PDBML (XML) file of the C-alpha atoms, coordinates in Angstrom:
<?xml version="1.0" encoding="UTF-8" ?>
<PDBx:datablock datablockName="MODEL"
   xmlns:PDBx="http://pdbml.pdb.org/schema/pdbx-v50.xsd"
   xmlns:xsi="http://www.w3.org/2001/XMLSchema-instance"
   xsi:schemaLocation="http://pdbml.pdb.org/schema/pdbx-v50.xsd pdbx-v50.xsd">
   <PDBx:atom_siteCategory>
      <PDBx:atom_site id="1">
         <PDBx:B_iso_or_equiv>0.00</PDBx:B_iso_or_equiv>
         <PDBx:Cartn_x>125.173</PDBx:Cartn_x>
         <PDBx:Cartn_y>186.586</PDBx:Cartn_y>
         <PDBx:Cartn_z>63.496</PDBx:Cartn_z>
         <PDBx:auth_asym_id>A</PDBx:auth_asym_id>
         <PDBx:auth_atom_id>CA</PDBx:auth_atom_id>
         <PDBx:auth_comp_id>ILE</PDBx:auth_comp_id>
         <PDBx:auth_seq_id>1</PDBx:auth_seq_id>
         <PDBx:group_PDB>ATOM</PDBx:group_PDB>
         <PDBx:label_alt_id xsi:nil="true" />
         <PDBx:label_asym_id>A</PDBx:label_asym_id>
         <PDBx:label_atom_id>CA</PDBx:label_atom_id>
         <PDBx:label_comp_id>ILE</PDBx:label_comp_id>
         <PDBx:label_entity_id>1</PDBx:label_entity_id>
         <PDBx:label_seq_id>1</PDBx:label_seq_id>
         <PDBx:occupancy>1.00</PDBx:occupancy>
         <PDBx:pdbx_PDB_model_num>1</PDBx:pdbx_PDB_model_num>
         <PDBx:type_symbol>C</PDBx:type_symbol>
      </PDBx:atom_site>
      <PDBx:atom_site id="2">
         <PDBx:B_iso_or_equiv>0.00</PDBx:B_iso_or_equiv>
         <PDBx:Cartn_x>127.482</PDBx:Cartn_x>
         <PDBx:Cartn_y>187.082</PDBx:Cartn_y>
         <PDBx:Cartn_z>60.541</PDBx:Cartn_z>
         <PDBx:auth_asym_id>A</PDBx:auth_asym_id>
         <PDBx:auth_atom_id>CA</PDBx:auth_atom_id>
         <PDBx:auth_comp_id>MET</PDBx:auth_comp_id>
         <PDBx:auth_seq_id>2</PDBx:auth_seq_id>
         <PDBx:group_PDB>ATOM</PDBx:group_PDB>
         <PDBx:label_alt_id xsi:nil="true" />
         <PDBx:label_asym_id>A</PDBx:label_asym_id>
         <PDBx:label_atom_id>CA</PDBx:label_atom_id>
         <PDBx:label_comp_id>MET</PDBx:label_comp_id>
         <PDBx:label_entity_id>1</PDBx:label_entity_id>
         <PDBx:label_seq_id>2</PDBx:label_seq_id>
         <PDBx:occupancy>1.00</PDBx:occupancy>
         <PDBx:pdbx_PDB_model_num>1</PDBx:pdbx_PDB_model_num>
         <PDBx:type_symbol>C</PDBx:type_symbol>
      </PDBx:atom_site>
      <PDBx:atom_site id="3">
         <PDBx:B_iso_or_equiv>0.00</PDBx:B_iso_or_equiv>
         <PDBx:Cartn_x>126.184</PDBx:Cartn_x>
         <PDBx:Cartn_y>189.161</PDBx:Cartn_y>
         <PDBx:Cartn_z>57.649</PDBx:Cartn_z>
         <PDBx:auth_asym_id>A</PDBx:auth_asym_id>
         <PDBx:auth_atom_id>CA</PDBx:auth_atom_id>
         <PDBx:auth_comp_id>ALA</PDBx:auth_comp_id>
         <PDBx:auth_seq_id>3</PDBx:auth_seq_id>
         <PDBx:group_PDB>ATOM</PDBx:group_PDB>
         <PDBx:label_alt_id xsi:nil="true" />
         <PDBx:label_asym_id>A</PDBx:label_asym_id>
         <PDBx:label_atom_id>CA</PDBx:label_atom_id>
         <PDBx:label_comp_id>ALA</PDBx:label_comp_id>
         <PDBx:label_entity_id>1</PDBx:label_entity_id>
         <PDBx:label_seq_id>3</PDBx:label_seq_id>
         <PDBx:occupancy>1.00</PDBx:occupancy>
         <PDBx:pdbx_PDB_model_num>1</PDBx:pdbx_PDB_model_num>
         <PDBx:type_symbol>C</PDBx:type_symbol>
      </PDBx:atom_site>
      <PDBx:atom_site id="4">
         <PDBx:B_iso_or_equiv>0.00</PDBx:B_iso_or_equiv>
         <PDBx:Cartn_x>127.699</PDBx:Cartn_x>
         <PDBx:Cartn_y>186.630</PDBx:Cartn_y>
         <PDBx:Cartn_z>55.252</PDBx:Cartn_z>
         <PDBx:auth_asym_id>A</PDBx:auth_asym_id>
         <PDBx:auth_atom_id>CA</PDBx:auth_atom_id>
         <PDBx:auth_comp_id>LYS</PDBx:auth_comp_id>
         <PDBx:auth_seq_id>4</PDBx:auth_seq_id>
         <PDBx:group_PDB>ATOM</PDBx:group_PDB>
         <PDBx:label_alt_id xsi:nil="true" />
         <PDBx:label_asym_id>A</PDBx:label_asym_id>
         <PDBx:label_atom_id>CA</PDBx:label_atom_id>
         <PDBx:label_comp_id>LYS</PDBx:label_comp_id>
         <PDBx:label_entity_id>1</PDBx:label_entity_id>
         <PDBx:label_seq_id>4</PDBx:label_seq_id>
         <PDBx:occupancy>1.00</PDBx:occupancy>
         <PDBx:pdbx_PDB_model_num>1</PDBx:pdbx_PDB_model_num>
         <PDBx:type_symbol>C</PDBx:type_symbol>
      </PDBx:atom_site>
      <PDBx:atom_site id="5">
         <PDBx:B_iso_or_equiv>0.00</PDBx:B_iso_or_equiv>
         <PDBx:Cartn_x>125.733</PDBx:Cartn_x>
         <PDBx:Cartn_y>183.360</PDBx:Cartn_y>
         <PDBx:Cartn_z>55.098</PDBx:Cartn_z>
         <PDBx:auth_asym_id>A</PDBx:auth_asym_id>
         <PDBx:auth_atom_id>CA</PDBx:auth_atom_id>
         <PDBx:auth_comp_id>THR</PDBx:auth_comp_id>
         <PDBx:auth_seq_id>5</PDBx:auth_seq_id>
         <PDBx:group_PDB>ATOM</PDBx:group_PDB>
         <PDBx:label_alt_id xsi:nil="true" />
         <PDBx:label_asym_id>A</PDBx:label_asym_id>
         <PDBx:label_atom_id>CA</PDBx:label_atom_id>
         <PDBx:label_comp_id>THR</PDBx:label_comp_id>
         <PDBx:label_entity_id>1</PDBx:label_entity_id>
         <PDBx:label_seq_id>5</PDBx:label_seq_id>
         <PDBx:occupancy>1.00</PDBx:occupancy>
         <PDBx:pdbx_PDB_model_num>1</PDBx:pdbx_PDB_model_num>
         <PDBx:type_symbol>C</PDBx:type_symbol>
      </PDBx:atom_site>
      <PDBx:atom_site id="6">
         <PDBx:B_iso_or_equiv>0.00</PDBx:B_iso_or_equiv>
         <PDBx:Cartn_x>127.760</PDBx:Cartn_x>
         <PDBx:Cartn_y>181.633</PDBx:Cartn_y>
         <PDBx:Cartn_z>52.375</PDBx:Cartn_z>
         <PDBx:auth_asym_id>A</PDBx:auth_asym_id>
         <PDBx:auth_atom_id>CA</PDBx:auth_atom_id>
         <PDBx:auth_comp_id>THR</PDBx:auth_comp_id>
         <PDBx:auth_seq_id>6</PDBx:auth_seq_id>
         <PDBx:group_PDB>ATOM</PDBx:group_PDB>
         <PDBx:label_alt_id xsi:nil="true" />
         <PDBx:label_asym_id>A</PDBx:label_asym_id>
         <PDBx:label_atom_id>CA</PDBx:label_atom_id>
         <PDBx:label_comp_id>THR</PDBx:label_comp_id>
         <PDBx:label_entity_id>1</PDBx:label_entity_id>
         <PDBx:label_seq_id>6</PDBx:label_seq_id>
         <PDBx:occupancy>1.00</PDBx:occupancy>
         <PDBx:pdbx_PDB_model_num>1</PDBx:pdbx_PDB_model_num>
         <PDBx:type_symbol>C</PDBx:type_symbol>
      </PDBx:atom_site>
      <PDBx:atom_site id="7">
         <PDBx:B_iso_or_equiv>0.00</PDBx:B_iso_or_equiv>
         <PDBx:Cartn_x>131.320</PDBx:Cartn_x>
         <PDBx:Cartn_y>180.822</PDBx:Cartn_y>
         <PDBx:Cartn_z>53.329</PDBx:Cartn_z>
         <PDBx:auth_asym_id>A</PDBx:auth_asym_id>
         <PDBx:auth_atom_id>CA</PDBx:auth_atom_id>
         <PDBx:auth_comp_id>TYR</PDBx:auth_comp_id>
         <PDBx:auth_seq_id>7</PDBx:auth_seq_id>
         <PDBx:group_PDB>ATOM</PDBx:group_PDB>
         <PDBx:label_alt_id xsi:nil="true" />
         <PDBx:label_asym_id>A</PDBx:label_asym_id>
         <PDBx:label_atom_id>CA</PDBx:label_atom_id>
         <PDBx:label_comp_id>TYR</PDBx:label_comp_id>
         <PDBx:label_entity_id>1</PDBx:label_entity_id>
         <PDBx:label_seq_id>7</PDBx:label_seq_id>
         <PDBx:occupancy>1.00</PDBx:occupancy>
         <PDBx:pdbx_PDB_model_num>1</PDBx:pdbx_PDB_model_num>
         <PDBx:type_symbol>C</PDBx:type_symbol>
      </PDBx:atom_site>
      <PDBx:atom_site id="8">
         <PDBx:B_iso_or_equiv>0.00</PDBx:B_iso_or_equiv>
         <PDBx:Cartn_x>134.509</PDBx:Cartn_x>
         <PDBx:Cartn_y>180.108</PDBx:Cartn_y>
         <PDBx:Cartn_z>51.460</PDBx:Cartn_z>
         <PDBx:auth_asym_id>A</PDBx:auth_asym_id>
         <PDBx:auth_atom_id>CA</PDBx:auth_atom_id>
         <PDBx:auth_comp_id>ARG</PDBx:auth_comp_id>
         <PDBx:auth_seq_id>8</PDBx:auth_seq_id>
         <PDBx:group_PDB>ATOM</PDBx:group_PDB>
         <PDBx:label_alt_id xsi:nil="true" />
         <PDBx:label_asym_id>A</PDBx:label_asym_id>
         <PDBx:label_atom_id>CA</PDBx:label_atom_id>
         <PDBx:label_comp_id>ARG</PDBx:label_comp_id>
         <PDBx:label_entity_id>1</PDBx:label_entity_id>
         <PDBx:label_seq_id>8</PDBx:label_seq_id>
         <PDBx:occupancy>1.00</PDBx:occupancy>
         <PDBx:pdbx_PDB_model_num>1</PDBx:pdbx_PDB_model_num>
         <PDBx:type_symbol>C</PDBx:type_symbol>
      </PDBx:atom_site>
      <PDBx:atom_site id="9">
         <PDBx:B_iso_or_equiv>0.00</PDBx:B_iso_or_equiv>
         <PDBx:Cartn_x>134.872</PDBx:Cartn_x>
         <PDBx:Cartn_y>176.397</PDBx:Cartn_y>
         <PDBx:Cartn_z>50.753</PDBx:Cartn_z>
         <PDBx:auth_asym_id>A</PDBx:auth_asym_id>
         <PDBx:auth_atom_id>CA</PDBx:auth_atom_id>
         <PDBx:auth_comp_id>LYS</PDBx:auth_comp_id>
         <PDBx:auth_seq_id>9</PDBx:auth_seq_id>
         <PDBx:group_PDB>ATOM</PDBx:group_PDB>
         <PDBx:label_alt_id xsi:nil="true" />
         <PDBx:label_asym_id>A</PDBx:label_asym_id>
         <PDBx:label_atom_id>CA</PDBx:label_atom_id>
         <PDBx:label_comp_id>LYS</PDBx:label_comp_id>
         <PDBx:label_entity_id>1</PDBx:label_entity_id>
         <PDBx:label_seq_id>9</PDBx:label_seq_id>
         <PDBx:occupancy>1.00</PDBx:occupancy>
         <PDBx:pdbx_PDB_model_num>1</PDBx:pdbx_PDB_model_num>
         <PDBx:type_symbol>C</PDBx:type_symbol>
      </PDBx:atom_site>
      <PDBx:atom_site id="10">
         <PDBx:B_iso_or_equiv>0.00</PDBx:B_iso_or_equiv>
         <PDBx:Cartn_x>138.044</PDBx:Cartn_x>
         <PDBx:Cartn_y>174.480</PDBx:Cartn_y>
         <PDBx:Cartn_z>50.078</PDBx:Cartn_z>
         <PDBx:auth_asym_id>A</PDBx:auth_asym_id>
         <PDBx:auth_atom_id>CA</PDBx:auth_atom_id>
         <PDBx:auth_comp_id>GLY</PDBx:auth_comp_id>
         <PDBx:auth_seq_id>10</PDBx:auth_seq_id>
         <PDBx:group_PDB>ATOM</PDBx:group_PDB>
         <PDBx:label_alt_id xsi:nil="true" />
         <PDBx:label_asym_id>A</PDBx:label_asym_id>
         <PDBx:label_atom_id>CA</PDBx:label_atom_id>
         <PDBx:label_comp_id>GLY</PDBx:label_comp_id>
         <PDBx:label_entity_id>1</PDBx:label_entity_id>
         <PDBx:label_seq_id>10</PDBx:label_seq_id>
         <PDBx:occupancy>1.00</PDBx:occupancy>
         <PDBx:pdbx_PDB_model_num>1</PDBx:pdbx_PDB_model_num>
         <PDBx:type_symbol>C</PDBx:type_symbol>
      </PDBx:atom_site>
      <PDBx:atom_site id="11">
         <PDBx:B_iso_or_equiv>0.00</PDBx:B_iso_or_equiv>
         <PDBx:Cartn_x>139.910</PDBx:Cartn_x>
         <PDBx:Cartn_y>171.183</PDBx:Cartn_y>
         <PDBx:Cartn_z>50.178</PDBx:Cartn_z>
         <PDBx:auth_asym_id>A</PDBx:auth_asym_id>
         <PDBx:auth_atom_id>CA</PDBx:auth_atom_id>
         <PDBx:auth_comp_id>THR</PDBx:auth_comp_id>
         <PDBx:auth_seq_id>11</PDBx:auth_seq_id>
         <PDBx:group_PDB>ATOM</PDBx:group_PDB>
         <PDBx:label_alt_id xsi:nil="true" />
         <PDBx:label_asym_id>A</PDBx:label_asym_id>
         <PDBx:label_atom_id>CA</PDBx:label_atom_id>
         <PDBx:label_comp_id>THR</PDBx:label_comp_id>
         <PDBx:label_entity_id>1</PDBx:label_entity_id>
         <PDBx:label_seq_id>11</PDBx:label_seq_id>
         <PDBx:occupancy>1.00</PDBx:occupancy>
         <PDBx:pdbx_PDB_model_num>1</PDBx:pdbx_PDB_model_num>
         <PDBx:type_symbol>C</PDBx:type_symbol>
      </PDBx:atom_site>
      <PDBx:atom_site id="12">
         <PDBx:B_iso_or_equiv>0.00</PDBx:B_iso_or_equiv>
         <PDBx:Cartn_x>143.398</PDBx:Cartn_x>
         <PDBx:Cartn_y>170.629</PDBx:Cartn_y>
         <PDBx:Cartn_z>51.518</PDBx:Cartn_z>
         <PDBx:auth_asym_id>A</PDBx:auth_asym_id>
         <PDBx:auth_atom_id>CA</PDBx:auth_atom_id>
         <PDBx:auth_comp_id>THR</PDBx:auth_comp_id>
         <PDBx:auth_seq_id>12</PDBx:auth_seq_id>
         <PDBx:group_PDB>ATOM</PDBx:group_PDB>
         <PDBx:label_alt_id xsi:nil="true" />
         <PDBx:label_asym_id>A</PDBx:label_asym_id>
         <PDBx:label_atom_id>CA</PDBx:label_atom_id>
         <PDBx:label_comp_id>THR</PDBx:label_comp_id>
         <PDBx:label_entity_id>1</PDBx:label_entity_id>
         <PDBx:label_seq_id>12</PDBx:label_seq_id>
         <PDBx:occupancy>1.00</PDBx:occupancy>
         <PDBx:pdbx_PDB_model_num>1</PDBx:pdbx_PDB_model_num>
         <PDBx:type_symbol>C</PDBx:type_symbol>
      </PDBx:atom_site>
      <PDBx:atom_site id="13">
         <PDBx:B_iso_or_equiv>0.00</PDBx:B_iso_or_equiv>
         <PDBx:Cartn_x>146.132</PDBx:Cartn_x>
         <PDBx:Cartn_y>168.830</PDBx:Cartn_y>
         <PDBx:Cartn_z>49.662</PDBx:Cartn_z>
         <PDBx:auth_asym_id>A</PDBx:auth_asym_id>
         <PDBx:auth_atom_id>CA</PDBx:auth_atom_id>
         <PDBx:auth_comp_id>ALA</PDBx:auth_comp_id>
         <PDBx:auth_seq_id>13</PDBx:auth_seq_id>
         <PDBx:group_PDB>ATOM</PDBx:group_PDB>
         <PDBx:label_alt_id xsi:nil="true" />
         <PDBx:label_asym_id>A</PDBx:label_asym_id>
         <PDBx:label_atom_id>CA</PDBx:label_atom_id>
         <PDBx:label_comp_id>ALA</PDBx:label_comp_id>
         <PDBx:label_entity_id>1</PDBx:label_entity_id>
         <PDBx:label_seq_id>13</PDBx:label_seq_id>
         <PDBx:occupancy>1.00</PDBx:occupancy>
         <PDBx:pdbx_PDB_model_num>1</PDBx:pdbx_PDB_model_num>
         <PDBx:type_symbol>C</PDBx:type_symbol>
      </PDBx:atom_site>
      <PDBx:atom_site id="14">
         <PDBx:B_iso_or_equiv>0.00</PDBx:B_iso_or_equiv>
         <PDBx:Cartn_x>147.392</PDBx:Cartn_x>
         <PDBx:Cartn_y>165.578</PDBx:Cartn_y>
         <PDBx:Cartn_z>51.170</PDBx:Cartn_z>
         <PDBx:auth_asym_id>A</PDBx:auth_asym_id>
         <PDBx:auth_atom_id>CA</PDBx:auth_atom_id>
         <PDBx:auth_comp_id>GLY</PDBx:auth_comp_id>
         <PDBx:auth_seq_id>14</PDBx:auth_seq_id>
         <PDBx:group_PDB>ATOM</PDBx:group_PDB>
         <PDBx:label_alt_id xsi:nil="true" />
         <PDBx:label_asym_id>A</PDBx:label_asym_id>
         <PDBx:label_atom_id>CA</PDBx:label_atom_id>
         <PDBx:label_comp_id>GLY</PDBx:label_comp_id>
         <PDBx:label_entity_id>1</PDBx:label_entity_id>
         <PDBx:label_seq_id>14</PDBx:label_seq_id>
         <PDBx:occupancy>1.00</PDBx:occupancy>
         <PDBx:pdbx_PDB_model_num>1</PDBx:pdbx_PDB_model_num>
         <PDBx:type_symbol>C</PDBx:type_symbol>
      </PDBx:atom_site>
      <PDBx:atom_site id="15">
         <PDBx:B_iso_or_equiv>0.00</PDBx:B_iso_or_equiv>
         <PDBx:Cartn_x>148.570</PDBx:Cartn_x>
         <PDBx:Cartn_y>165.483</PDBx:Cartn_y>
         <PDBx:Cartn_z>54.764</PDBx:Cartn_z>
         <PDBx:auth_asym_id>A</PDBx:auth_asym_id>
         <PDBx:auth_atom_id>CA</PDBx:auth_atom_id>
         <PDBx:auth_comp_id>GLY</PDBx:auth_comp_id>
         <PDBx:auth_seq_id>15</PDBx:auth_seq_id>
         <PDBx:group_PDB>ATOM</PDBx:group_PDB>
         <PDBx:label_alt_id xsi:nil="true" />
         <PDBx:label_asym_id>A</PDBx:label_asym_id>
         <PDBx:label_atom_id>CA</PDBx:label_atom_id>
         <PDBx:label_comp_id>GLY</PDBx:label_comp_id>
         <PDBx:label_entity_id>1</PDBx:label_entity_id>
         <PDBx:label_seq_id>15</PDBx:label_seq_id>
         <PDBx:occupancy>1.00</PDBx:occupancy>
         <PDBx:pdbx_PDB_model_num>1</PDBx:pdbx_PDB_model_num>
         <PDBx:type_symbol>C</PDBx:type_symbol>
      </PDBx:atom_site>
      <PDBx:atom_site id="16">
         <PDBx:B_iso_or_equiv>0.00</PDBx:B_iso_or_equiv>
         <PDBx:Cartn_x>148.457</PDBx:Cartn_x>
         <PDBx:Cartn_y>163.651</PDBx:Cartn_y>
         <PDBx:Cartn_z>58.084</PDBx:Cartn_z>
         <PDBx:auth_asym_id>A</PDBx:auth_asym_id>
         <PDBx:auth_atom_id>CA</PDBx:auth_atom_id>
         <PDBx:auth_comp_id>THR</PDBx:auth_comp_id>
         <PDBx:auth_seq_id>16</PDBx:auth_seq_id>
         <PDBx:group_PDB>ATOM</PDBx:group_PDB>
         <PDBx:label_alt_id xsi:nil="true" />
         <PDBx:label_asym_id>A</PDBx:label_asym_id>
         <PDBx:label_atom_id>CA</PDBx:label_atom_id>
         <PDBx:label_comp_id>THR</PDBx:label_comp_id>
         <PDBx:label_entity_id>1</PDBx:label_entity_id>
         <PDBx:label_seq_id>16</PDBx:label_seq_id>
         <PDBx:occupancy>1.00</PDBx:occupancy>
         <PDBx:pdbx_PDB_model_num>1</PDBx:pdbx_PDB_model_num>
         <PDBx:type_symbol>C</PDBx:type_symbol>
      </PDBx:atom_site>
      <PDBx:atom_site id="17">
         <PDBx:B_iso_or_equiv>0.00</PDBx:B_iso_or_equiv>
         <PDBx:Cartn_x>145.595</PDBx:Cartn_x>
         <PDBx:Cartn_y>163.434</PDBx:Cartn_y>
         <PDBx:Cartn_z>60.593</PDBx:Cartn_z>
         <PDBx:auth_asym_id>A</PDBx:auth_asym_id>
         <PDBx:auth_atom_id>CA</PDBx:auth_atom_id>
         <PDBx:auth_comp_id>PHE</PDBx:auth_comp_id>
         <PDBx:auth_seq_id>17</PDBx:auth_seq_id>
         <PDBx:group_PDB>ATOM</PDBx:group_PDB>
         <PDBx:label_alt_id xsi:nil="true" />
         <PDBx:label_asym_id>A</PDBx:label_asym_id>
         <PDBx:label_atom_id>CA</PDBx:label_atom_id>
         <PDBx:label_comp_id>PHE</PDBx:label_comp_id>
         <PDBx:label_entity_id>1</PDBx:label_entity_id>
         <PDBx:label_seq_id>17</PDBx:label_seq_id>
         <PDBx:occupancy>1.00</PDBx:occupancy>
         <PDBx:pdbx_PDB_model_num>1</PDBx:pdbx_PDB_model_num>
         <PDBx:type_symbol>C</PDBx:type_symbol>
      </PDBx:atom_site>
      <PDBx:atom_site id="18">
         <PDBx:B_iso_or_equiv>0.00</PDBx:B_iso_or_equiv>
         <PDBx:Cartn_x>146.460</PDBx:Cartn_x>
         <PDBx:Cartn_y>163.852</PDBx:Cartn_y>
         <PDBx:Cartn_z>64.260</PDBx:Cartn_z>
         <PDBx:auth_asym_id>A</PDBx:auth_asym_id>
         <PDBx:auth_atom_id>CA</PDBx:auth_atom_id>
         <PDBx:auth_comp_id>ASN</PDBx:auth_comp_id>
         <PDBx:auth_seq_id>18</PDBx:auth_seq_id>
         <PDBx:group_PDB>ATOM</PDBx:group_PDB>
         <PDBx:label_alt_id xsi:nil="true" />
         <PDBx:label_asym_id>A</PDBx:label_asym_id>
         <PDBx:label_atom_id>CA</PDBx:label_atom_id>
         <PDBx:label_comp_id>ASN</PDBx:label_comp_id>
         <PDBx:label_entity_id>1</PDBx:label_entity_id>
         <PDBx:label_seq_id>18</PDBx:label_seq_id>
         <PDBx:occupancy>1.00</PDBx:occupancy>
         <PDBx:pdbx_PDB_model_num>1</PDBx:pdbx_PDB_model_num>
         <PDBx:type_symbol>C</PDBx:type_symbol>
      </PDBx:atom_site>
      <PDBx:atom_site id="19">
         <PDBx:B_iso_or_equiv>0.00</PDBx:B_iso_or_equiv>
         <PDBx:Cartn_x>143.978</PDBx:Cartn_x>
         <PDBx:Cartn_y>162.987</PDBx:Cartn_y>
         <PDBx:Cartn_z>67.045</PDBx:Cartn_z>
         <PDBx:auth_asym_id>A</PDBx:auth_asym_id>
         <PDBx:auth_atom_id>CA</PDBx:auth_atom_id>
         <PDBx:auth_comp_id>PHE</PDBx:auth_comp_id>
         <PDBx:auth_seq_id>19</PDBx:auth_seq_id>
         <PDBx:group_PDB>ATOM</PDBx:group_PDB>
         <PDBx:label_alt_id xsi:nil="true" />
         <PDBx:label_asym_id>A</PDBx:label_asym_id>
         <PDBx:label_atom_id>CA</PDBx:label_atom_id>
         <PDBx:label_comp_id>PHE</PDBx:label_comp_id>
         <PDBx:label_entity_id>1</PDBx:label_entity_id>
         <PDBx:label_seq_id>19</PDBx:label_seq_id>
         <PDBx:occupancy>1.00</PDBx:occupancy>
         <PDBx:pdbx_PDB_model_num>1</PDBx:pdbx_PDB_model_num>
         <PDBx:type_symbol>C</PDBx:type_symbol>
      </PDBx:atom_site>
      <PDBx:atom_site id="20">
         <PDBx:B_iso_or_equiv>0.00</PDBx:B_iso_or_equiv>
         <PDBx:Cartn_x>141.140</PDBx:Cartn_x>
         <PDBx:Cartn_y>162.381</PDBx:Cartn_y>
         <PDBx:Cartn_z>64.590</PDBx:Cartn_z>
         <PDBx:auth_asym_id>A</PDBx:auth_asym_id>
         <PDBx:auth_atom_id>CA</PDBx:auth_atom_id>
         <PDBx:auth_comp_id>PRO</PDBx:auth_comp_id>
         <PDBx:auth_seq_id>20</PDBx:auth_seq_id>
         <PDBx:group_PDB>ATOM</PDBx:group_PDB>
         <PDBx:label_alt_id xsi:nil="true" />
         <PDBx:label_asym_id>A</PDBx:label_asym_id>
         <PDBx:label_atom_id>CA</PDBx:label_atom_id>
         <PDBx:label_comp_id>PRO</PDBx:label_comp_id>
         <PDBx:label_entity_id>1</PDBx:label_entity_id>
         <PDBx:label_seq_id>20</PDBx:label_seq_id>
         <PDBx:occupancy>1.00</PDBx:occupancy>
         <PDBx:pdbx_PDB_model_num>1</PDBx:pdbx_PDB_model_num>
         <PDBx:type_symbol>C</PDBx:type_symbol>
      </PDBx:atom_site>
      <PDBx:atom_site id="21">
         <PDBx:B_iso_or_equiv>0.00</PDBx:B_iso_or_equiv>
         <PDBx:Cartn_x>137.657</PDBx:Cartn_x>
         <PDBx:Cartn_y>162.238</PDBx:Cartn_y>
         <PDBx:Cartn_z>66.144</PDBx:Cartn_z>
         <PDBx:auth_asym_id>A</PDBx:auth_asym_id>
         <PDBx:auth_atom_id>CA</PDBx:auth_atom_id>
         <PDBx:auth_comp_id>HIS</PDBx:auth_comp_id>
         <PDBx:auth_seq_id>21</PDBx:auth_seq_id>
         <PDBx:group_PDB>ATOM</PDBx:group_PDB>
         <PDBx:label_alt_id xsi:nil="true" />
         <PDBx:label_asym_id>A</PDBx:label_asym_id>
         <PDBx:label_atom_id>CA</PDBx:label_atom_id>
         <PDBx:label_comp_id>HIS</PDBx:label_comp_id>
         <PDBx:label_entity_id>1</PDBx:label_entity_id>
         <PDBx:label_seq_id>21</PDBx:label_seq_id>
         <PDBx:occupancy>1.00</PDBx:occupancy>
         <PDBx:pdbx_PDB_model_num>1</PDBx:pdbx_PDB_model_num>
         <PDBx:type_symbol>C</PDBx:type_symbol>
      </PDBx:atom_site>
      <PDBx:atom_site id="22">
         <PDBx:B_iso_or_equiv>0.00</PDBx:B_iso_or_equiv>
         <PDBx:Cartn_x>135.686</PDBx:Cartn_x>
         <PDBx:Cartn_y>161.510</PDBx:Cartn_y>
         <PDBx:Cartn_z>62.990</PDBx:Cartn_z>
         <PDBx:auth_asym_id>A</PDBx:auth_asym_id>
         <PDBx:auth_atom_id>CA</PDBx:auth_atom_id>
         <PDBx:auth_comp_id>LEU</PDBx:auth_comp_id>
         <PDBx:auth_seq_id>22</PDBx:auth_seq_id>
         <PDBx:group_PDB>ATOM</PDBx:group_PDB>
         <PDBx:label_alt_id xsi:nil="true" />
         <PDBx:label_asym_id>A</PDBx:label_asym_id>
         <PDBx:label_atom_id>CA</PDBx:label_atom_id>
         <PDBx:label_comp_id>LEU</PDBx:label_comp_id>
         <PDBx:label_entity_id>1</PDBx:label_entity_id>
         <PDBx:label_seq_id>22</PDBx:label_seq_id>
         <PDBx:occupancy>1.00</PDBx:occupancy>
         <PDBx:pdbx_PDB_model_num>1</PDBx:pdbx_PDB_model_num>
         <PDBx:type_symbol>C</PDBx:type_symbol>
      </PDBx:atom_site>
      <PDBx:atom_site id="23">
         <PDBx:B_iso_or_equiv>0.00</PDBx:B_iso_or_equiv>
         <PDBx:Cartn_x>133.490</PDBx:Cartn_x>
         <PDBx:Cartn_y>158.579</PDBx:Cartn_y>
         <PDBx:Cartn_z>64.034</PDBx:Cartn_z>
         <PDBx:auth_asym_id>A</PDBx:auth_asym_id>
         <PDBx:auth_atom_id>CA</PDBx:auth_atom_id>
         <PDBx:auth_comp_id>LEU</PDBx:auth_comp_id>
         <PDBx:auth_seq_id>23</PDBx:auth_seq_id>
         <PDBx:group_PDB>ATOM</PDBx:group_PDB>
         <PDBx:label_alt_id xsi:nil="true" />
         <PDBx:label_asym_id>A</PDBx:label_asym_id>
         <PDBx:label_atom_id>CA</PDBx:label_atom_id>
         <PDBx:label_comp_id>LEU</PDBx:label_comp_id>
         <PDBx:label_entity_id>1</PDBx:label_entity_id>
         <PDBx:label_seq_id>23</PDBx:label_seq_id>
         <PDBx:occupancy>1.00</PDBx:occupancy>
         <PDBx:pdbx_PDB_model_num>1</PDBx:pdbx_PDB_model_num>
         <PDBx:type_symbol>C</PDBx:type_symbol>
      </PDBx:atom_site>
      <PDBx:atom_site id="24">
         <PDBx:B_iso_or_equiv>0.00</PDBx:B_iso_or_equiv>
         <PDBx:Cartn_x>132.746</PDBx:Cartn_x>
         <PDBx:Cartn_y>159.784</PDBx:Cartn_y>
         <PDBx:Cartn_z>67.560</PDBx:Cartn_z>
         <PDBx:auth_asym_id>A</PDBx:auth_asym_id>
         <PDBx:auth_atom_id>CA</PDBx:auth_atom_id>
         <PDBx:auth_comp_id>GLU</PDBx:auth_comp_id>
         <PDBx:auth_seq_id>24</PDBx:auth_seq_id>
         <PDBx:group_PDB>ATOM</PDBx:group_PDB>
         <PDBx:label_alt_id xsi:nil="true" />
         <PDBx:label_asym_id>A</PDBx:label_asym_id>
         <PDBx:label_atom_id>CA</PDBx:label_atom_id>
         <PDBx:label_comp_id>GLU</PDBx:label_comp_id>
         <PDBx:label_entity_id>1</PDBx:label_entity_id>
         <PDBx:label_seq_id>24</PDBx:label_seq_id>
         <PDBx:occupancy>1.00</PDBx:occupancy>
         <PDBx:pdbx_PDB_model_num>1</PDBx:pdbx_PDB_model_num>
         <PDBx:type_symbol>C</PDBx:type_symbol>
      </PDBx:atom_site>
   </PDBx:atom_siteCategory>
</PDBx:datablock>
């Protein structure tokens, strides 16, 4: 249990996906 319940959010710049498992 972490005392902090809201976490830092972000978005990367452009890049390449390797071994993506995004649908399954």
